[in-house]
Amino acid sequence: MDKREKAQLMDKILRELEDLKNTQSSLVKKIGQIETDNINLGDSELEKSLGDIYDSIVGGTDKVDGLLVSYKEKRDKYVADNGLEESLAVE
């Protein structure tokens, strides 16, 4: 794998991490909707389980956010160190 291919693969991974982040955000919103519906229902099992699931997803989201930031910095450094800015911008 040459340097340009490696940078392109790093870009693909960044897009996938961003997609993962968006998916987690959608899950958090969906849990919020279910919790809102459960206010009228008052099911204690739903309340406890959804709270646990929410906590897990938010913890994972924080980890993905951190990974996304650090991996983007790594990718940017790799691109700059190898003079690939222009060749990748052409795509």
N, C-alpha and C. Protein backbone atom coordinates (compact mmCIF):
# COMPACT_ATOMS: atom_id res chain seq x y z
N MET A 1 0.85 -1.17 0.00
CA MET A 1 0.00 0.00 0.00
C MET A 1 0.90 1.23 0.00
N ASP A 2 0.68 2.10 -0.98
CA ASP A 2 1.50 3.31 -1.02
C ASP A 2 0.92 4.37 -0.08
N LYS A 3 1.62 5.49 0.03
CA LYS A 3 1.24 6.53 1.00
C LYS A 3 -0.12 7.13 0.70
N ARG A 4 -0.39 7.33 -0.58
CA ARG A 4 -1.68 7.91 -0.96
C ARG A 4 -2.83 6.95 -0.63
N GLU A 5 -2.65 5.68 -0.91
CA GLU A 5 -3.67 4.68 -0.59
C GLU A 5 -3.91 4.61 0.92
N LYS A 6 -2.83 4.71 1.68
CA LYS A 6 -2.95 4.68 3.14
C LYS A 6 -3.76 5.89 3.62
N ALA A 7 -3.48 7.06 3.07
CA ALA A 7 -4.23 8.26 3.44
C ALA A 7 -5.70 8.13 3.06
N GLN A 8 -5.97 7.54 1.90
CA GLN A 8 -7.36 7.34 1.49
C GLN A 8 -8.08 6.37 2.43
N LEU A 9 -7.39 5.35 2.87
CA LEU A 9 -7.97 4.41 3.82
C LEU A 9 -8.22 5.10 5.16
N MET A 10 -7.31 5.95 5.56
CA MET A 10 -7.51 6.71 6.80
C MET A 10 -8.74 7.62 6.67
N ASP A 11 -8.93 8.22 5.51
CA ASP A 11 -10.12 9.05 5.27
C ASP A 11 -11.39 8.21 5.37
N LYS A 12 -11.34 7.01 4.82
CA LYS A 12 -12.50 6.11 4.88
C LYS A 12 -12.83 5.77 6.33
N ILE A 13 -11.82 5.50 7.12
CA ILE A 13 -12.04 5.18 8.53
C ILE A 13 -12.64 6.38 9.26
N LEU A 14 -12.17 7.58 8.94
CA LEU A 14 -12.75 8.78 9.54
C LEU A 14 -14.24 8.91 9.20
N ARG A 15 -14.59 8.64 7.95
CA ARG A 15 -16.01 8.70 7.55
C ARG A 15 -16.82 7.66 8.32
N GLU A 16 -16.26 6.47 8.50
CA GLU A 16 -16.96 5.42 9.22
C GLU A 16 -17.12 5.77 10.70
N LEU A 17 -16.10 6.39 11.29
CA LEU A 17 -16.22 6.83 12.68
C LEU A 17 -17.28 7.92 12.81
N GLU A 18 -17.33 8.83 11.85
CA GLU A 18 -18.36 9.87 11.86
C GLU A 18 -19.75 9.24 11.74
N ASP A 19 -19.88 8.24 10.89
CA ASP A 19 -21.15 7.52 10.74
C ASP A 19 -21.53 6.83 12.05
N LEU A 20 -20.56 6.23 12.71
CA LEU A 20 -20.81 5.58 14.00
C LEU A 20 -21.30 6.61 15.02
N LYS A 21 -20.67 7.76 15.04
CA LYS A 21 -21.08 8.84 15.95
C LYS A 21 -22.52 9.26 15.68
N ASN A 22 -22.86 9.42 14.40
CA ASN A 22 -24.23 9.80 14.03
C ASN A 22 -25.23 8.72 14.41
N THR A 23 -24.86 7.47 14.24
CA THR A 23 -25.74 6.36 14.61
C THR A 23 -26.00 6.36 16.11
N GLN A 24 -24.94 6.59 16.88
CA GLN A 24 -25.10 6.64 18.33
C GLN A 24 -26.00 7.80 18.74
N SER A 25 -25.87 8.92 18.08
CA SER A 25 -26.74 10.07 18.37
C SER A 25 -28.19 9.74 18.07
N SER A 26 -28.42 9.02 16.99
CA SER A 26 -29.78 8.60 16.66
C SER A 26 -30.35 7.66 17.72
N LEU A 27 -29.51 6.77 18.22
CA LEU A 27 -29.95 5.86 19.27
C LEU A 27 -30.32 6.61 20.54
N VAL A 28 -29.52 7.61 20.91
CA VAL A 28 -29.81 8.41 22.09
C VAL A 28 -31.16 9.12 21.92
N LYS A 29 -31.41 9.68 20.74
CA LYS A 29 -32.69 10.35 20.48
C LYS A 29 -33.85 9.36 20.57
N LYS A 30 -33.67 8.17 20.02
CA LYS A 30 -34.72 7.16 20.04
C LYS A 30 -35.03 6.74 21.48
N ILE A 31 -34.01 6.58 22.29
CA ILE A 31 -34.22 6.23 23.70
C ILE A 31 -35.00 7.34 24.40
N GLY A 32 -34.66 8.58 24.10
CA GLY A 32 -35.39 9.72 24.67
C GLY A 32 -36.86 9.70 24.29
N GLN A 33 -37.15 9.33 23.05
CA GLN A 33 -38.54 9.25 22.61
C GLN A 33 -39.29 8.16 23.38
N ILE A 34 -38.65 7.02 23.55
CA ILE A 34 -39.28 5.92 24.28
C ILE A 34 -39.48 6.31 25.74
N GLU A 35 -38.48 6.96 26.33
CA GLU A 35 -38.61 7.40 27.73
C GLU A 35 -39.76 8.39 27.88
N THR A 36 -39.92 9.29 26.91
CA THR A 36 -41.02 10.24 26.94
C THR A 36 -42.36 9.51 26.87
N ASP A 37 -42.47 8.55 25.97
CA ASP A 37 -43.70 7.76 25.88
C ASP A 37 -43.97 6.99 27.17
N ASN A 38 -42.91 6.56 27.81
CA ASN A 38 -43.07 5.78 29.03
C ASN A 38 -43.50 6.63 30.23
N ILE A 39 -43.37 7.93 30.14
CA ILE A 39 -43.83 8.80 31.24
C ILE A 39 -45.30 8.53 31.53
N ASN A 40 -46.10 8.43 30.47
CA ASN A 40 -47.53 8.16 30.65
C ASN A 40 -47.80 6.71 31.05
N LEU A 41 -46.96 5.83 30.56
CA LEU A 41 -47.15 4.41 30.84
C LEU A 41 -46.66 4.05 32.24
N GLY A 42 -45.52 4.58 32.63
CA GLY A 42 -44.98 4.34 33.96
C GLY A 42 -44.42 2.95 34.20
N ASP A 43 -43.89 2.33 33.17
CA ASP A 43 -43.32 0.99 33.31
C ASP A 43 -41.92 1.10 33.92
N SER A 44 -41.76 0.55 35.13
CA SER A 44 -40.49 0.68 35.83
C SER A 44 -39.37 -0.11 35.17
N GLU A 45 -39.69 -1.24 34.55
CA GLU A 45 -38.66 -2.02 33.84
C GLU A 45 -38.10 -1.23 32.67
N LEU A 46 -38.99 -0.61 31.90
CA LEU A 46 -38.54 0.24 30.79
C LEU A 46 -37.68 1.39 31.30
N GLU A 47 -38.13 2.02 32.37
CA GLU A 47 -37.41 3.17 32.91
C GLU A 47 -35.98 2.79 33.31
N LYS A 48 -35.83 1.69 34.02
CA LYS A 48 -34.51 1.27 34.48
C LYS A 48 -33.65 0.82 33.30
N SER A 49 -34.19 -0.04 32.45
CA SER A 49 -33.41 -0.59 31.34
C SER A 49 -32.99 0.49 30.36
N LEU A 50 -33.91 1.38 30.03
CA LEU A 50 -33.57 2.45 29.09
C LEU A 50 -32.51 3.38 29.67
N GLY A 51 -32.57 3.62 30.96
CA GLY A 51 -31.54 4.44 31.61
C GLY A 51 -30.17 3.79 31.52
N ASP A 52 -30.13 2.47 31.74
CA ASP A 52 -28.87 1.73 31.63
C ASP A 52 -28.33 1.76 30.20
N ILE A 53 -29.22 1.55 29.25
CA ILE A 53 -28.82 1.56 27.84
C ILE A 53 -28.31 2.95 27.44
N TYR A 54 -29.04 3.97 27.88
CA TYR A 54 -28.64 5.35 27.59
C TYR A 54 -27.23 5.63 28.12
N ASP A 55 -26.98 5.24 29.37
CA ASP A 55 -25.66 5.46 29.96
C ASP A 55 -24.56 4.77 29.15
N SER A 56 -24.83 3.55 28.70
CA SER A 56 -23.84 2.80 27.90
C SER A 56 -23.56 3.50 26.57
N ILE A 57 -24.62 3.94 25.92
CA ILE A 57 -24.45 4.57 24.61
C ILE A 57 -23.73 5.91 24.75
N VAL A 58 -24.09 6.69 25.75
CA VAL A 58 -23.44 7.99 25.94
C VAL A 58 -21.96 7.79 26.25
N GLY A 59 -21.63 6.78 27.07
CA GLY A 59 -20.23 6.48 27.34
C GLY A 59 -19.48 6.09 26.08
N GLY A 60 -20.12 5.29 25.24
CA GLY A 60 -19.52 4.90 23.97
C GLY A 60 -19.38 6.08 23.03
N THR A 61 -20.36 6.95 23.04
CA THR A 61 -20.31 8.14 22.18
C THR A 61 -19.14 9.04 22.56
N ASP A 62 -18.92 9.19 23.86
CA ASP A 62 -17.78 9.99 24.32
C ASP A 62 -16.46 9.38 23.83
N LYS A 63 -16.36 8.06 23.87
CA LYS A 63 -15.15 7.39 23.41
C LYS A 63 -14.96 7.56 21.91
N VAL A 64 -16.05 7.44 21.15
CA VAL A 64 -15.96 7.61 19.70
C VAL A 64 -15.57 9.04 19.36
N ASP A 65 -16.14 10.02 20.08
CA ASP A 65 -15.77 11.43 19.85
C ASP A 65 -14.27 11.63 20.06
N GLY A 66 -13.76 11.10 21.16
CA GLY A 66 -12.34 11.23 21.45
C GLY A 66 -11.47 10.56 20.39
N LEU A 67 -11.89 9.37 19.97
CA LEU A 67 -11.15 8.65 18.94
C LEU A 67 -11.19 9.39 17.61
N LEU A 68 -12.33 9.94 17.28
CA LEU A 68 -12.47 10.70 16.03
C LEU A 68 -11.52 11.89 16.01
N VAL A 69 -11.44 12.61 17.09
CA VAL A 69 -10.55 13.77 17.17
C VAL A 69 -9.08 13.34 17.05
N SER A 70 -8.70 12.34 17.84
CA SER A 70 -7.29 11.94 17.83
C SER A 70 -6.89 11.28 16.51
N TYR A 71 -7.80 10.51 15.91
CA TYR A 71 -7.47 9.87 14.64
C TYR A 71 -7.39 10.89 13.50
N LYS A 72 -8.24 11.94 13.56
CA LYS A 72 -8.17 12.99 12.54
C LYS A 72 -6.83 13.72 12.64
N GLU A 73 -6.38 13.97 13.86
CA GLU A 73 -5.07 14.61 14.04
C GLU A 73 -3.96 13.72 13.47
N LYS A 74 -4.06 12.42 13.72
CA LYS A 74 -3.07 11.47 13.20
C LYS A 74 -3.09 11.46 11.68
N ARG A 75 -4.28 11.44 11.10
CA ARG A 75 -4.43 11.44 9.64
C ARG A 75 -3.87 12.72 9.06
N ASP A 76 -4.21 13.87 9.65
CA ASP A 76 -3.73 15.15 9.15
C ASP A 76 -2.21 15.23 9.20
N LYS A 77 -1.61 14.73 10.27
CA LYS A 77 -0.16 14.73 10.40
C LYS A 77 0.46 13.84 9.33
N TYR A 78 -0.12 12.67 9.11
CA TYR A 78 0.39 11.75 8.09
C TYR A 78 0.35 12.40 6.71
N VAL A 79 -0.78 13.04 6.39
CA VAL A 79 -0.94 13.70 5.09
C VAL A 79 0.08 14.83 4.94
N ALA A 80 0.23 15.64 5.98
CA ALA A 80 1.18 16.77 5.92
C ALA A 80 2.62 16.26 5.83
N ASP A 81 2.97 15.26 6.63
CA ASP A 81 4.34 14.72 6.63
C ASP A 81 4.72 14.11 5.28
N ASN A 82 3.71 13.65 4.54
CA ASN A 82 3.99 13.00 3.26
C ASN A 82 3.61 13.85 2.05
N GLY A 83 3.28 15.12 2.30
CA GLY A 83 2.99 16.05 1.21
C GLY A 83 1.83 15.61 0.33
N LEU A 84 0.79 15.09 0.93
CA LEU A 84 -0.34 14.55 0.17
C LEU A 84 -1.55 15.48 0.09
N GLU A 85 -1.44 16.68 0.64
CA GLU A 85 -2.60 17.57 0.68
C GLU A 85 -3.21 17.79 -0.70
N GLU A 86 -2.40 18.15 -1.66
CA GLU A 86 -2.91 18.46 -3.00
C GLU A 86 -3.43 17.23 -3.72
N SER A 87 -2.75 16.12 -3.61
CA SER A 87 -3.19 14.93 -4.35
C SER A 87 -4.50 14.38 -3.80
N LEU A 88 -4.77 14.58 -2.52
CA LEU A 88 -6.03 14.12 -1.94
C LEU A 88 -7.16 15.10 -2.19
N ALA A 89 -6.82 16.39 -2.35
CA ALA A 89 -7.83 17.40 -2.59
C ALA A 89 -8.42 17.28 -3.99
N VAL A 90 -7.71 16.64 -4.90
CA VAL A 90 -8.13 16.52 -6.29
C VAL A 90 -9.33 15.58 -6.41
N GLU A 91 -9.47 14.66 -5.51
CA GLU A 91 -10.51 13.64 -5.60
C GLU A 91 -11.85 14.21 -5.59
